[in-house]
């Protein structure tokens, strides 16, 4: 399997996880970002980063449901979700600006 094919596979897996977690938690990520700004996303990514540091420093810690690979995929998903939130936020601001201009 080529790297390009593997990348596509991994992205599909990340997307599947996104769908499953959105079903379980609702859109809590966007709600947190709406309430607290991009800092909310940074906190979640920081938690994952700290988990990654712990897992890589201490190999004797049981990984349970969250292995190094799982943590990396979660971190990637948070990056994409933050990008999407920023993108939607920009569109909303543009729409508000346009509505004010049309008044």
C-alpha atoms as a PDB file:
ATOM      1  CA  UNK A   1       0.000   0.000   0.000  1.00  0.00           C
ATOM      2  CA  UNK A   2       1.363   3.407  -0.930  1.00  0.00           C
ATOM      3  CA  UNK A   3       1.662   6.283   1.539  1.00  0.00           C
ATOM      4  CA  UNK A   4      -1.080   8.112  -0.350  1.00  0.00           C
ATOM      5  CA  UNK A   5      -3.466   5.172   0.038  1.00  0.00           C
ATOM      6  CA  UNK A   6      -2.565   4.767   3.713  1.00  0.00           C
ATOM      7  CA  UNK A   7      -3.126   8.486   4.314  1.00  0.00           C
ATOM      8  CA  UNK A   8      -6.585   8.216   2.769  1.00  0.00           C
ATOM      9  CA  UNK A   9      -7.358   5.205   4.962  1.00  0.00           C
ATOM     10  CA  UNK A  10      -6.264   7.032   8.103  1.00  0.00           C
ATOM     11  CA  UNK A  11      -8.311  10.111   7.198  1.00  0.00           C
ATOM     12  CA  UNK A  12     -11.383   7.920   6.705  1.00  0.00           C
ATOM     13  CA  UNK A  13     -10.765   6.406  10.131  1.00  0.00           C
ATOM     14  CA  UNK A  14     -10.463   9.877  11.683  1.00  0.00           C
ATOM     15  CA  UNK A  15     -13.724  10.864  10.009  1.00  0.00           C
ATOM     16  CA  UNK A  16     -15.449   7.748  11.340  1.00  0.00           C
ATOM     17  CA  UNK A  17     -14.248   8.570  14.861  1.00  0.00           C
ATOM     18  CA  UNK A  18     -15.504  12.152  14.446  1.00  0.00           C
ATOM     19  CA  UNK A  19     -18.973  10.861  13.537  1.00  0.00           C
ATOM     20  CA  UNK A  20     -19.069   8.406  16.454  1.00  0.00           C
ATOM     21  CA  UNK A  21     -17.934  10.970  19.018  1.00  0.00           C
ATOM     22  CA  UNK A  22     -20.346  13.593  17.689  1.00  0.00           C
ATOM     23  CA  UNK A  23     -23.184  11.097  18.172  1.00  0.00           C
ATOM     24  CA  UNK A  24     -22.027  10.367  21.714  1.00  0.00           C
ATOM     25  CA  UNK A  25     -21.238  13.921  22.857  1.00  0.00           C
ATOM     26  CA  UNK A  26     -23.202  16.104  20.480  1.00  0.00           C
ATOM     27  CA  UNK A  27     -21.396  19.113  19.088  1.00  0.00           C
ATOM     28  CA  UNK A  28     -19.760  19.944  22.415  1.00  0.00           C
ATOM     29  CA  UNK A  29     -16.513  20.979  20.732  1.00  0.00           C
ATOM     30  CA  UNK A  30     -18.118  23.803  18.730  1.00  0.00           C
ATOM     31  CA  UNK A  31     -20.211  24.800  21.737  1.00  0.00           C
ATOM     32  CA  UNK A  32     -17.071  25.075  23.881  1.00  0.00           C
ATOM     33  CA  UNK A  33     -15.325  27.118  21.196  1.00  0.00           C
ATOM     34  CA  UNK A  34     -18.391  29.341  20.796  1.00  0.00           C
ATOM     35  CA  UNK A  35     -18.395  29.964  24.547  1.00  0.00           C
ATOM     36  CA  UNK A  36     -14.654  30.346  25.161  1.00  0.00           C
ATOM     37  CA  UNK A  37     -13.050  30.932  21.775  1.00  0.00           C
ATOM     38  CA  UNK A  38     -10.174  29.089  20.200  1.00  0.00           C
ATOM     39  CA  UNK A  39      -8.647  28.673  23.675  1.00  0.00           C
ATOM     40  CA  UNK A  40     -11.157  25.883  24.317  1.00  0.00           C
ATOM     41  CA  UNK A  41      -9.743  23.961  21.360  1.00  0.00           C
ATOM     42  CA  UNK A  42      -6.208  24.629  22.523  1.00  0.00           C
ATOM     43  CA  UNK A  43      -7.016  23.194  25.956  1.00  0.00           C
ATOM     44  CA  UNK A  44      -8.348  19.987  24.435  1.00  0.00           C
ATOM     45  CA  UNK A  45      -5.321  19.673  22.156  1.00  0.00           C
ATOM     46  CA  UNK A  46      -3.043  20.419  25.096  1.00  0.00           C
ATOM     47  CA  UNK A  47      -4.661  17.596  27.065  1.00  0.00           C
ATOM     48  CA  UNK A  48      -3.958  15.211  24.184  1.00  0.00           C
ATOM     49  CA  UNK A  49      -0.402  16.525  23.859  1.00  0.00           C
ATOM     50  CA  UNK A  50       0.192  15.974  27.578  1.00  0.00           C
ATOM     51  CA  UNK A  51      -1.225  12.460  27.281  1.00  0.00           C
ATOM     52  CA  UNK A  52       1.151  11.817  24.375  1.00  0.00           C
ATOM     53  CA  UNK A  53       4.117  13.072  26.410  1.00  0.00           C
ATOM     54  CA  UNK A  54       3.139  10.830  29.322  1.00  0.00           C
ATOM     55  CA  UNK A  55       2.758   7.772  27.093  1.00  0.00           C
ATOM     56  CA  UNK A  56       6.108   8.313  25.384  1.00  0.00           C
ATOM     57  CA  UNK A  57       8.032   9.019  28.600  1.00  0.00           C
ATOM     58  CA  UNK A  58       6.591   6.186  30.667  1.00  0.00           C
ATOM     59  CA  UNK A  59       6.321   2.953  28.743  1.00  0.00           C
ATOM     60  CA  UNK A  60       5.195   1.097  31.887  1.00  0.00           C
ATOM     61  CA  UNK A  61       1.942   3.115  32.150  1.00  0.00           C
ATOM     62  CA  UNK A  62      -1.021   1.045  30.973  1.00  0.00           C
ATOM     63  CA  UNK A  63      -2.360   2.613  27.811  1.00  0.00           C
ATOM     64  CA  UNK A  64      -5.887   1.259  28.154  1.00  0.00           C
ATOM     65  CA  UNK A  65      -8.154   2.634  25.449  1.00  0.00           C
ATOM     66  CA  UNK A  66      -5.750   5.376  24.491  1.00  0.00           C
ATOM     67  CA  UNK A  67      -2.516   4.266  22.875  1.00  0.00           C
ATOM     68  CA  UNK A  68       0.045   6.602  21.345  1.00  0.00           C
ATOM     69  CA  UNK A  69      -1.538   6.015  17.925  1.00  0.00           C
ATOM     70  CA  UNK A  70      -5.050   6.706  19.249  1.00  0.00           C
ATOM     71  CA  UNK A  71      -3.836   9.899  20.901  1.00  0.00           C
ATOM     72  CA  UNK A  72      -2.222  11.074  17.656  1.00  0.00           C
ATOM     73  CA  UNK A  73      -5.442  10.425  15.735  1.00  0.00           C
ATOM     74  CA  UNK A  74      -7.473  12.301  18.350  1.00  0.00           C
ATOM     75  CA  UNK A  75      -5.036  15.206  18.158  1.00  0.00           C
ATOM     76  CA  UNK A  76      -5.332  15.254  14.362  1.00  0.00           C
ATOM     77  CA  UNK A  77      -9.116  15.272  14.680  1.00  0.00           C
ATOM     78  CA  UNK A  78      -9.012  18.207  17.115  1.00  0.00           C
ATOM     79  CA  UNK A  79      -6.793  20.099  14.640  1.00  0.00           C
ATOM     80  CA  UNK A  80      -9.313  19.540  11.831  1.00  0.00           C
ATOM     81  CA  UNK A  81     -12.238  20.439  14.091  1.00  0.00           C
ATOM     82  CA  UNK A  82     -10.498  23.661  15.129  1.00  0.00           C
ATOM     83  CA  UNK A  83      -9.852  24.507  11.490  1.00  0.00           C
ATOM     84  CA  UNK A  84     -13.540  23.926  10.711  1.00  0.00           C
ATOM     85  CA  UNK A  85     -14.645  26.051  13.676  1.00  0.00           C
ATOM     86  CA  UNK A  86     -12.356  28.907  12.604  1.00  0.00           C
ATOM     87  CA  UNK A  87     -13.619  28.633   9.036  1.00  0.00           C
ATOM     88  CA  UNK A  88     -17.271  28.742  10.161  1.00  0.00           C
ATOM     89  CA  UNK A  89     -16.539  31.638  12.481  1.00  0.00           C
ATOM     90  CA  UNK A  90     -15.006  33.620   9.616  1.00  0.00           C
ATOM     91  CA  UNK A  91     -18.062  32.949   7.438  1.00  0.00           C
ATOM     92  CA  UNK A  92     -20.401  34.099  10.219  1.00  0.00           C
ATOM     93  CA  UNK A  93     -18.422  37.318  10.655  1.00  0.00           C
ATOM     94  CA  UNK A  94     -18.518  37.929   6.894  1.00  0.00           C
ATOM     95  CA  UNK A  95     -22.293  37.371   6.888  1.00  0.00           C
ATOM     96  CA  UNK A  96     -22.769  39.759   9.815  1.00  0.00           C
ATOM     97  CA  UNK A  97     -20.635  42.371   8.076  1.00  0.00           C
ATOM     98  CA  UNK A  98     -22.625  41.919   4.844  1.00  0.00           C
ATOM     99  CA  UNK A  99     -25.941  42.191   6.711  1.00  0.00           C
ATOM    100  CA  UNK A 100     -24.828  45.452   8.354  1.00  0.00           C
ATOM    101  CA  UNK A 101     -23.813  46.817   4.958  1.00  0.00           C
ATOM    102  CA  UNK A 102     -27.230  45.940   3.512  1.00  0.00           C
ATOM    103  CA  UNK A 103     -29.144  47.666   6.320  1.00  0.00           C
END
